[in-house]
C-alpha cells in the first residue's frame, strides 16, 4: 500500500549566496547613484534637476535593500 508523504521543499545554500551577492551589488549601485546625483546637484550640470530624482531613488533603494537576513 502506497501512502502520500508530504515533502518539504528546502532551498539549497547557493540560492542564499546568490541573493546576498545580488543584494551587495544593488547596494553598491545605489551608493554610486547617490554619489553622482549629489555631484550633479552641487556642480549644477545642465540636467541637475534629474539628479534630485536620482538621489531620491538611491535613498529609496538603500532603505529597501539594506535589511539582510541573518
Protein backbone atom coordinates (compact mmCIF):
# COMPACT_ATOMS: atom_id res chain seq x y z
CA UNK A 1 0.00 0.00 0.00
CA UNK A 2 1.41 3.37 -1.06
CA UNK A 3 0.90 6.43 1.08
CA UNK A 4 1.49 10.01 0.12
CA UNK A 5 4.05 11.58 2.39
CA UNK A 6 4.21 15.38 2.19
CA UNK A 7 7.67 16.57 1.31
CA UNK A 8 9.22 19.80 2.43
CA UNK A 9 10.96 21.89 -0.20
CA UNK A 10 14.36 23.04 1.02
CA UNK A 11 16.23 25.71 -0.88
CA UNK A 12 19.88 24.91 -1.46
CA UNK A 13 22.56 27.05 0.13
CA UNK A 14 23.78 28.53 -3.19
CA UNK A 15 20.41 30.28 -3.58
CA UNK A 16 21.08 32.27 -0.41
CA UNK A 17 24.60 33.08 -1.58
CA UNK A 18 23.26 34.40 -4.89
CA UNK A 19 20.70 36.51 -3.03
CA UNK A 20 23.40 38.08 -0.86
CA UNK A 21 25.59 38.66 -3.93
CA UNK A 22 22.73 40.43 -5.69
CA UNK A 23 21.97 42.45 -2.55
CA UNK A 24 25.57 43.66 -2.32
CA UNK A 25 25.57 44.72 -5.97
CA UNK A 26 22.30 46.62 -5.64
CA UNK A 27 23.61 48.44 -2.57
CA UNK A 28 26.86 49.35 -4.32
CA UNK A 29 24.93 50.61 -7.33
CA UNK A 30 22.65 52.74 -5.18
CA UNK A 31 25.65 54.26 -3.35
CA UNK A 32 27.19 55.18 -6.70
CA UNK A 33 23.88 56.60 -7.96
CA UNK A 34 23.56 58.68 -4.80
CA UNK A 35 27.13 59.96 -5.01
CA UNK A 36 26.84 61.06 -8.62
CA UNK A 37 23.40 62.54 -8.01
CA UNK A 38 24.85 64.71 -5.24
CA UNK A 39 27.71 65.78 -7.51
CA UNK A 40 25.26 66.59 -10.29
CA UNK A 41 23.19 68.78 -7.96
CA UNK A 42 26.18 70.54 -6.38
CA UNK A 43 28.02 71.25 -9.63
CA UNK A 44 24.80 72.41 -11.39
CA UNK A 45 25.16 70.35 -14.55
CA UNK A 46 22.72 71.07 -17.38
CA UNK A 47 20.16 68.48 -16.23
CA UNK A 48 20.76 68.86 -12.49
CA UNK A 49 17.02 68.58 -11.55
CA UNK A 50 17.16 64.96 -12.70
CA UNK A 51 19.88 64.46 -10.08
CA UNK A 52 17.26 65.17 -7.41
CA UNK A 53 15.20 62.23 -8.65
CA UNK A 54 18.33 60.08 -8.76
CA UNK A 55 19.12 60.95 -5.15
CA UNK A 56 15.58 60.16 -4.01
CA UNK A 57 15.71 56.85 -5.89
CA UNK A 58 19.11 55.97 -4.38
CA UNK A 59 17.87 56.61 -0.83
CA UNK A 60 14.72 54.56 -1.51
CA UNK A 61 16.75 51.63 -2.86
CA UNK A 62 19.11 51.71 0.13
CA UNK A 63 16.18 51.67 2.56
CA UNK A 64 14.56 48.73 0.76
CA UNK A 65 17.68 46.64 0.14
CA UNK A 66 19.73 47.22 3.31
CA UNK A 67 17.91 44.83 5.67
CA UNK A 68 19.68 41.49 5.39
CA UNK A 69 18.58 38.10 6.55
CA UNK A 70 20.58 36.64 9.39
